[in-house]
N, C-alpha and C. Protein backbone atom coordinates (compact mmCIF):
# COMPACT_ATOMS: atom_id res chain seq x y z
N MET A 1 107.17 52.73 60.92
CA MET A 1 105.90 52.90 61.99
C MET A 1 104.72 52.81 62.46
N ALA A 2 104.09 52.57 61.12
CA ALA A 2 102.77 51.92 60.94
C ALA A 2 102.63 50.19 61.88
N ILE A 3 103.32 49.92 61.41
CA ILE A 3 103.40 48.44 62.05
C ILE A 3 103.70 48.31 62.87
N ARG A 4 105.02 49.27 63.66
CA ARG A 4 105.31 49.20 65.23
C ARG A 4 103.98 49.76 66.37
N GLU A 5 103.36 50.54 65.37
CA GLU A 5 102.26 51.66 66.00
C GLU A 5 100.49 49.89 66.21
N ARG A 6 100.87 49.61 65.14
CA ARG A 6 99.46 48.31 65.11
C ARG A 6 100.10 47.55 66.23
N VAL A 7 101.34 46.92 66.08
CA VAL A 7 101.90 45.91 67.49
C VAL A 7 101.43 46.35 68.87
N PHE A 8 102.19 47.86 69.08
CA PHE A 8 102.19 48.29 70.26
C PHE A 8 100.58 48.33 70.50
N SER A 9 99.97 48.69 69.84
CA SER A 9 98.23 49.02 70.14
C SER A 9 97.69 47.75 70.86
N ALA A 10 97.76 46.24 69.84
CA ALA A 10 97.36 45.21 69.77
C ALA A 10 97.96 44.47 71.39
N ILE A 11 99.00 44.80 71.81
CA ILE A 11 99.89 44.36 73.07
C ILE A 11 99.46 45.28 74.16
N ILE A 12 99.19 46.48 73.93
CA ILE A 12 98.42 47.55 74.72
C ILE A 12 97.04 47.06 75.14
N ASN A 13 96.33 46.70 74.03
CA ASN A 13 94.71 46.63 74.11
C ASN A 13 94.74 45.29 75.15
N CYS A 14 95.75 43.82 74.64
CA CYS A 14 95.24 42.92 75.52
C CYS A 14 95.58 42.84 76.77
N PHE A 15 96.82 43.90 77.46
CA PHE A 15 97.09 44.42 78.68
C PHE A 15 96.23 44.63 79.19
N LYS A 16 95.30 45.42 78.77
CA LYS A 16 94.50 46.25 79.26
C LYS A 16 92.95 45.53 80.21
N ARG A 17 93.39 44.54 78.64
CA ARG A 17 92.07 43.08 78.95
C ARG A 17 92.24 42.70 80.15
N HIS A 18 92.90 42.36 80.21
CA HIS A 18 93.62 41.26 81.67
C HIS A 18 93.79 42.64 82.88
N GLY A 19 93.50 43.80 82.94
CA GLY A 19 93.14 44.33 84.07
C GLY A 19 94.82 45.11 84.66
N ALA A 20 95.81 45.29 83.56
CA ALA A 20 97.06 45.83 83.65
C ALA A 20 96.85 47.32 83.60
N GLU A 21 97.63 48.09 84.29
CA GLU A 21 97.96 49.56 84.13
C GLU A 21 99.35 49.72 83.75
N VAL A 22 99.61 51.04 83.48
CA VAL A 22 100.85 51.59 82.63
C VAL A 22 101.50 52.17 84.15
N ILE A 23 102.69 51.65 84.01
CA ILE A 23 103.48 52.22 85.09
C ILE A 23 104.30 52.62 84.17
N ASP A 24 105.00 53.80 84.20
CA ASP A 24 106.34 54.36 83.61
C ASP A 24 107.91 54.80 84.42
N THR A 25 108.72 53.98 84.57
CA THR A 25 109.93 54.35 85.27
C THR A 25 110.79 55.15 84.38
N PRO A 26 111.77 55.82 85.08
CA PRO A 26 112.65 56.72 84.72
C PRO A 26 113.55 55.80 83.80
N VAL A 27 113.85 56.91 82.67
CA VAL A 27 115.28 56.11 82.21
C VAL A 27 116.39 55.90 82.48
N PHE A 28 116.81 57.08 83.47
CA PHE A 28 117.74 57.19 84.54
C PHE A 28 117.87 55.94 85.61
N GLU A 29 119.12 55.37 86.34
CA GLU A 29 118.56 54.59 87.47
C GLU A 29 120.18 55.01 88.53
N LEU A 30 120.13 55.05 89.38
CA LEU A 30 121.41 55.65 90.36
C LEU A 30 122.20 53.97 90.03
N LYS A 31 123.40 54.30 89.94
CA LYS A 31 124.13 53.32 89.72
C LYS A 31 124.51 51.93 90.55
N GLU A 32 124.45 52.40 91.86
CA GLU A 32 124.12 51.62 92.96
C GLU A 32 123.10 50.55 92.96
N THR A 33 121.92 51.24 92.35
CA THR A 33 120.64 50.35 92.26
C THR A 33 120.96 49.11 91.46
N LEU A 34 121.48 49.07 90.07
CA LEU A 34 121.48 48.02 89.59
C LEU A 34 122.87 47.37 89.52
N THR A 35 124.03 47.83 90.53
CA THR A 35 124.82 47.05 90.63
C THR A 35 124.94 45.33 91.28
N GLY A 36 125.05 44.81 90.40
CA GLY A 36 125.18 43.48 91.41
C GLY A 36 123.72 42.57 90.86
N LYS A 37 122.66 43.55 90.12
CA LYS A 37 121.93 42.65 89.78
C LYS A 37 121.86 41.98 88.35
N TYR A 38 122.67 41.76 87.85
CA TYR A 38 122.89 41.13 86.30
C TYR A 38 123.72 40.46 86.07
N GLY A 39 124.64 40.14 87.32
CA GLY A 39 125.76 39.12 87.06
C GLY A 39 126.69 39.34 85.90
N GLU A 40 126.69 38.23 84.94
CA GLU A 40 128.42 38.98 83.92
C GLU A 40 127.18 40.01 83.32
N ASP A 41 125.95 40.15 83.03
CA ASP A 41 125.70 41.21 82.17
C ASP A 41 125.78 42.53 82.74
N SER A 42 126.71 42.63 83.76
CA SER A 42 126.48 44.06 84.34
C SER A 42 127.45 45.16 83.25
N LYS A 43 128.17 44.64 82.78
CA LYS A 43 129.11 44.50 81.58
C LYS A 43 128.68 45.54 80.56
N LEU A 44 127.44 45.26 80.43
CA LEU A 44 126.65 45.67 79.28
C LEU A 44 125.95 47.11 79.90
N ILE A 45 125.90 47.53 81.04
CA ILE A 45 125.07 48.38 81.22
C ILE A 45 125.57 49.67 80.86
N TYR A 46 124.97 50.85 80.68
CA TYR A 46 125.68 52.30 80.57
C TYR A 46 125.78 53.03 81.51
N ASP A 47 127.11 53.26 82.02
CA ASP A 47 127.48 53.83 83.03
C ASP A 47 127.49 55.92 82.65
N LEU A 48 127.22 56.51 83.72
CA LEU A 48 126.90 57.87 83.37
C LEU A 48 127.35 58.57 84.29
N LYS A 49 127.61 60.12 84.19
CA LYS A 49 127.49 60.58 85.87
C LYS A 49 127.11 62.35 85.13
N ASP A 50 126.45 62.65 86.24
CA ASP A 50 125.36 63.77 85.97
C ASP A 50 126.32 65.02 86.53
N GLN A 51 126.14 66.32 86.76
CA GLN A 51 126.81 67.48 86.38
C GLN A 51 127.17 67.52 88.22
N GLY A 52 126.75 66.99 88.93
CA GLY A 52 127.08 67.00 89.79
C GLY A 52 128.18 65.63 90.37
N GLY A 53 128.51 64.86 89.62
CA GLY A 53 129.46 63.69 89.42
C GLY A 53 128.24 62.39 90.28
N GLU A 54 127.14 62.36 90.39
CA GLU A 54 126.68 61.33 90.69
C GLU A 54 126.67 60.49 89.59
N LEU A 55 126.85 59.03 90.34
CA LEU A 55 127.44 57.69 89.35
C LEU A 55 125.53 57.00 88.75
N LEU A 56 124.97 57.35 87.46
CA LEU A 56 123.73 57.32 87.04
C LEU A 56 124.29 56.11 85.92
N SER A 57 122.82 54.98 85.57
CA SER A 57 123.24 54.48 84.59
C SER A 57 121.72 54.27 84.01
N LEU A 58 121.81 54.02 82.40
CA LEU A 58 120.78 53.59 81.61
C LEU A 58 120.36 52.44 82.03
N ARG A 59 118.85 52.90 82.29
CA ARG A 59 117.71 51.29 82.30
C ARG A 59 118.18 50.25 81.03
N TYR A 60 118.62 49.05 81.74
CA TYR A 60 118.97 47.93 81.28
C TYR A 60 117.83 47.23 80.80
N ASP A 61 116.82 47.14 81.83
CA ASP A 61 115.91 46.46 81.29
C ASP A 61 114.67 47.28 82.68
N LEU A 62 113.29 46.70 82.30
CA LEU A 62 112.02 47.15 82.93
C LEU A 62 111.79 46.88 84.53
N THR A 63 112.37 45.76 84.40
CA THR A 63 112.20 44.51 85.66
C THR A 63 112.81 45.54 86.78
N VAL A 64 113.89 45.55 86.87
CA VAL A 64 114.99 46.27 88.45
C VAL A 64 114.10 47.41 88.64
N PRO A 65 113.87 48.54 87.76
CA PRO A 65 113.18 50.09 87.75
C PRO A 65 111.77 49.50 88.57
N PHE A 66 111.02 48.64 88.18
CA PHE A 66 109.49 48.19 88.47
C PHE A 66 109.75 47.74 89.59
N ALA A 67 110.68 47.01 90.10
CA ALA A 67 110.91 46.45 91.29
C ALA A 67 111.13 47.69 92.61
N ARG A 68 111.92 48.46 92.10
CA ARG A 68 112.30 49.58 93.41
C ARG A 68 111.27 50.20 93.05
N TYR A 69 110.12 50.82 92.34
CA TYR A 69 108.95 51.15 92.25
C TYR A 69 107.96 50.73 93.46
N LEU A 70 107.98 49.46 92.80
CA LEU A 70 106.94 48.52 94.10
C LEU A 70 107.51 49.14 95.39
N ALA A 71 108.58 48.66 95.75
CA ALA A 71 109.21 49.07 97.23
C ALA A 71 109.25 50.17 97.75
N MET A 72 109.12 51.51 97.12
CA MET A 72 109.14 52.73 97.29
C MET A 72 107.69 52.91 97.84
N ASN A 73 106.90 52.49 96.84
CA ASN A 73 105.65 52.64 97.15
C ASN A 73 105.18 51.87 97.51
N LYS A 74 105.54 51.06 98.58
CA LYS A 74 104.81 50.19 99.41
C LYS A 74 103.38 49.28 98.89
N ILE A 75 103.58 48.85 97.33
CA ILE A 75 102.75 48.00 96.48
C ILE A 75 102.86 46.76 96.74
N THR A 76 102.08 45.67 97.09
CA THR A 76 102.23 44.52 97.05
C THR A 76 101.43 43.44 96.25
N ASN A 77 100.26 44.18 95.28
CA ASN A 77 99.55 43.55 94.54
C ASN A 77 98.94 44.45 93.40
N ILE A 78 99.52 44.27 92.20
CA ILE A 78 99.11 45.00 90.78
C ILE A 78 99.79 43.91 89.46
N LYS A 79 99.21 44.59 88.51
CA LYS A 79 99.09 44.20 87.16
C LYS A 79 99.52 45.49 86.42
N ARG A 80 100.88 44.86 85.72
CA ARG A 80 101.40 46.70 85.32
C ARG A 80 102.03 45.99 83.81
N TYR A 81 102.08 47.17 82.83
CA TYR A 81 102.80 47.32 81.47
C TYR A 81 103.76 48.02 81.51
N HIS A 82 104.78 47.87 80.56
CA HIS A 82 105.88 48.99 80.03
C HIS A 82 105.87 48.63 78.89
N ILE A 83 106.08 49.41 77.97
CA ILE A 83 106.89 49.18 76.82
C ILE A 83 107.69 50.39 76.73
N ALA A 84 108.87 50.41 77.01
CA ALA A 84 109.88 51.44 76.39
C ALA A 84 111.25 50.82 75.93
N LYS A 85 111.89 52.01 75.54
CA LYS A 85 113.64 51.98 75.07
C LYS A 85 114.36 51.23 76.04
N VAL A 86 115.14 50.35 76.23
CA VAL A 86 115.83 49.54 77.10
C VAL A 86 117.45 50.21 76.28
N TYR A 87 118.62 49.78 77.14
CA TYR A 87 120.03 50.31 76.51
C TYR A 87 121.17 49.23 77.08
N ARG A 88 121.61 48.54 76.17
CA ARG A 88 122.95 47.92 76.54
C ARG A 88 124.16 48.34 75.64
N ARG A 89 124.86 48.23 76.60
CA ARG A 89 126.95 48.79 76.22
C ARG A 89 127.41 47.71 75.38
N ASP A 90 126.96 47.50 74.17
CA ASP A 90 127.72 46.09 73.39
C ASP A 90 128.09 46.58 72.15
N ASN A 91 128.65 45.61 71.47
CA ASN A 91 129.57 46.06 70.23
C ASN A 91 127.88 45.25 69.38
N PRO A 92 127.33 45.93 68.64
CA PRO A 92 126.26 45.47 68.00
C PRO A 92 126.39 44.91 66.87
N ALA A 93 126.04 43.53 66.31
CA ALA A 93 126.46 43.29 65.32
C ALA A 93 124.97 42.93 64.51
N MET A 94 124.44 43.16 63.46
CA MET A 94 123.31 42.60 62.70
C MET A 94 123.19 41.46 62.27
N THR A 95 124.54 40.97 62.21
CA THR A 95 124.26 39.11 62.12
C THR A 95 123.90 38.42 63.27
N ARG A 96 124.16 39.07 64.98
CA ARG A 96 123.82 38.28 65.73
C ARG A 96 122.46 39.27 66.23
N GLY A 97 122.21 39.75 65.93
CA GLY A 97 120.35 40.60 65.83
C GLY A 97 120.31 41.49 66.98
N ARG A 98 121.38 42.23 67.74
CA ARG A 98 121.87 42.72 69.26
C ARG A 98 121.73 44.04 68.64
N TYR A 99 121.38 45.06 69.25
CA TYR A 99 121.42 46.38 69.25
C TYR A 99 122.03 47.17 70.36
N ARG A 100 122.30 48.23 70.39
CA ARG A 100 122.62 49.21 71.67
C ARG A 100 121.27 49.63 72.55
N GLU A 101 119.81 50.10 71.71
CA GLU A 101 118.89 50.71 72.07
C GLU A 101 117.70 49.77 71.73
N PHE A 102 116.60 49.52 71.99
CA PHE A 102 115.37 48.71 71.72
C PHE A 102 114.63 48.57 72.52
N TYR A 103 113.35 48.72 71.90
CA TYR A 103 112.04 48.39 72.83
C TYR A 103 112.04 47.07 73.94
N GLN A 104 111.98 47.20 74.96
CA GLN A 104 111.14 46.15 75.86
C GLN A 104 109.80 46.03 75.92
N CYS A 105 109.58 45.28 76.08
CA CYS A 105 107.62 44.76 76.27
C CYS A 105 107.68 44.16 77.84
N ASP A 106 106.98 44.59 79.03
CA ASP A 106 106.94 43.95 80.17
C ASP A 106 105.57 43.89 80.41
N PHE A 107 104.86 42.76 81.11
CA PHE A 107 103.77 42.75 81.58
C PHE A 107 104.24 41.85 83.24
N ASP A 108 103.61 42.64 84.16
CA ASP A 108 103.93 41.86 85.22
C ASP A 108 103.49 41.75 86.61
N ILE A 109 103.16 40.76 87.00
CA ILE A 109 101.84 40.35 87.87
C ILE A 109 102.80 40.24 89.44
N ALA A 110 102.57 41.37 89.98
CA ALA A 110 103.26 41.52 91.63
C ALA A 110 102.16 41.00 92.69
N GLY A 111 102.38 40.00 93.46
CA GLY A 111 101.61 40.14 94.41
C GLY A 111 101.58 38.48 95.00
N GLN A 112 100.72 37.72 95.75
CA GLN A 112 100.47 36.73 96.22
C GLN A 112 99.34 35.68 95.47
N PHE A 113 99.60 34.95 94.79
CA PHE A 113 98.71 34.30 94.14
C PHE A 113 98.67 32.66 94.11
N ASP A 114 97.95 31.98 93.62
CA ASP A 114 97.87 30.41 93.61
C ASP A 114 98.83 30.19 92.67
N PRO A 115 99.74 29.13 92.94
CA PRO A 115 100.74 28.70 91.75
C PRO A 115 100.27 28.58 90.27
N MET A 116 101.15 28.97 89.88
CA MET A 116 101.30 28.68 88.17
C MET A 116 100.06 29.76 87.63
N ILE A 117 98.95 30.58 88.39
CA ILE A 117 98.03 31.12 87.88
C ILE A 117 98.55 32.58 87.16
N PRO A 118 99.66 33.26 87.51
CA PRO A 118 100.12 34.21 86.80
C PRO A 118 100.45 33.68 85.40
N ASP A 119 101.69 32.86 85.76
CA ASP A 119 102.14 32.02 84.47
C ASP A 119 100.95 31.67 83.32
N ALA A 120 99.92 31.05 83.89
CA ALA A 120 99.03 30.65 82.82
C ALA A 120 98.28 32.06 82.07
N GLU A 121 98.25 33.04 82.79
CA GLU A 121 97.65 34.48 82.37
C GLU A 121 98.85 35.05 81.70
N CYS A 122 100.02 34.65 81.54
CA CYS A 122 100.92 35.22 80.80
C CYS A 122 100.98 34.70 79.51
N LEU A 123 100.87 33.08 79.80
CA LEU A 123 100.65 32.66 78.37
C LEU A 123 99.21 32.75 77.31
N LYS A 124 98.30 33.23 78.14
CA LYS A 124 97.15 32.92 77.82
C LYS A 124 97.32 34.86 76.94
N ILE A 125 97.70 35.59 77.11
CA ILE A 125 98.42 36.95 76.81
C ILE A 125 99.01 36.95 75.48
N VAL A 126 100.30 36.02 75.45
CA VAL A 126 100.87 35.72 74.57
C VAL A 126 99.88 35.14 73.72
N HIS A 127 99.11 34.16 73.68
CA HIS A 127 98.65 33.42 72.81
C HIS A 127 97.39 34.90 71.79
N GLU A 128 96.96 35.25 72.91
CA GLU A 128 95.68 36.78 72.59
C GLU A 128 96.55 37.47 71.55
N ILE A 129 97.66 38.23 71.87
CA ILE A 129 98.15 38.78 71.06
C ILE A 129 99.10 38.37 69.69
N LEU A 130 99.39 37.17 69.70
CA LEU A 130 99.83 36.63 68.39
C LEU A 130 98.74 36.44 67.68
N SER A 131 97.66 36.01 67.73
CA SER A 131 95.95 35.65 67.36
C SER A 131 95.62 37.00 67.08
N ASP A 132 95.34 38.22 67.76
CA ASP A 132 95.19 39.47 67.40
C ASP A 132 95.91 40.43 66.21
N LEU A 133 97.06 39.94 65.75
CA LEU A 133 98.34 40.56 65.07
C LEU A 133 98.04 39.52 63.79
N GLN A 134 97.19 38.50 63.94
CA GLN A 134 97.06 37.97 62.70
C GLN A 134 98.16 37.28 61.75
N LEU A 135 99.50 36.76 62.59
CA LEU A 135 100.38 36.47 61.82
C LEU A 135 100.45 34.91 61.24
N GLY A 136 99.32 34.41 61.16
CA GLY A 136 99.52 32.90 60.79
C GLY A 136 99.35 32.32 62.12
N ASP A 137 99.58 30.68 61.57
CA ASP A 137 99.92 29.68 62.75
C ASP A 137 101.31 30.00 63.25
N PHE A 138 101.01 29.72 64.72
CA PHE A 138 101.92 29.65 65.35
C PHE A 138 101.97 28.66 66.59
N LEU A 139 103.07 28.29 67.39
CA LEU A 139 103.21 27.22 68.31
C LEU A 139 103.78 28.22 69.84
N ILE A 140 103.47 28.04 70.74
CA ILE A 140 104.10 28.69 71.86
C ILE A 140 104.41 27.29 72.61
N LYS A 141 106.12 27.39 72.73
CA LYS A 141 106.89 26.42 73.64
C LYS A 141 107.40 26.79 75.01
N VAL A 142 107.26 26.04 75.47
CA VAL A 142 107.60 26.15 76.77
C VAL A 142 108.58 24.85 77.44
N ARG A 143 109.86 25.15 77.77
CA ARG A 143 110.87 24.60 77.68
C ARG A 143 110.36 23.31 78.80
N PRO A 144 110.46 22.03 78.60
CA PRO A 144 110.09 21.18 79.68
C PRO A 144 111.02 21.04 81.12
N GLU A 145 112.35 21.02 80.15
CA GLU A 145 113.50 20.66 81.22
C GLU A 145 113.34 22.08 82.40
N LEU A 146 112.17 23.08 82.08
CA LEU A 146 112.67 24.07 83.68
C LEU A 146 111.65 23.98 84.53
N ASP A 147 111.84 24.27 85.37
CA ASP A 147 110.91 23.70 86.96
C ASP A 147 109.77 24.76 86.11
N PRO A 148 108.64 24.17 86.79
CA PRO A 148 107.57 25.10 86.36
C PRO A 148 107.42 26.60 86.68
N GLN A 149 108.12 26.67 87.86
CA GLN A 149 108.08 28.07 89.16
C GLN A 149 109.26 29.10 88.16
N THR A 150 109.99 28.71 87.23
CA THR A 150 110.86 29.34 86.50
C THR A 150 110.69 29.64 85.24
N VAL A 151 109.49 29.10 84.94
CA VAL A 151 109.13 29.19 83.16
C VAL A 151 109.26 30.83 83.03
N PHE A 152 108.75 31.73 83.79
CA PHE A 152 108.89 33.57 83.81
C PHE A 152 109.53 33.62 84.66
N PHE A 153 110.64 34.79 84.59
CA PHE A 153 111.29 35.34 85.43
C PHE A 153 110.39 36.16 86.63
N VAL A 154 110.75 35.89 87.93
CA VAL A 154 110.03 36.62 88.95
C VAL A 154 110.95 37.04 89.37
N PRO A 155 111.00 38.77 89.64
CA PRO A 155 111.92 39.13 90.87
C PRO A 155 111.76 39.49 92.35
N GLN A 156 113.16 38.70 92.45
CA GLN A 156 113.06 38.13 94.57
C GLN A 156 113.16 39.84 94.84
């Protein structure tokens, strides 16, 4: 627990230095909100029903709930972070390193910016966090075969 707290603290402090604010989104989403958003991975979403029969899902990631939050609140420019548990309906196997419940950490930049500026900032943040954690030497690799516009996922 102490290690996780130290890691989370380093991550959160870095995100705050870069001007991000925390925005927490609900653990439950309407099933219709998530339907069709994840392609083949949609089968990994936990589906539930509330007492009234409304179809719900546990959050699969932190991106779709954030996109919904932006749309509902008409926010067009923001830096945000969120560290929270997400859920996958999977057959977890320790050998595959997969779990049904795990933490996901998001740093999102929403808005209109010069090309590649948000991507460069995200790389800088990764470097700062790994340096702050004093894990030793590290190398950040960016796959060269990718279009630079797709290095980081940007929700549409």
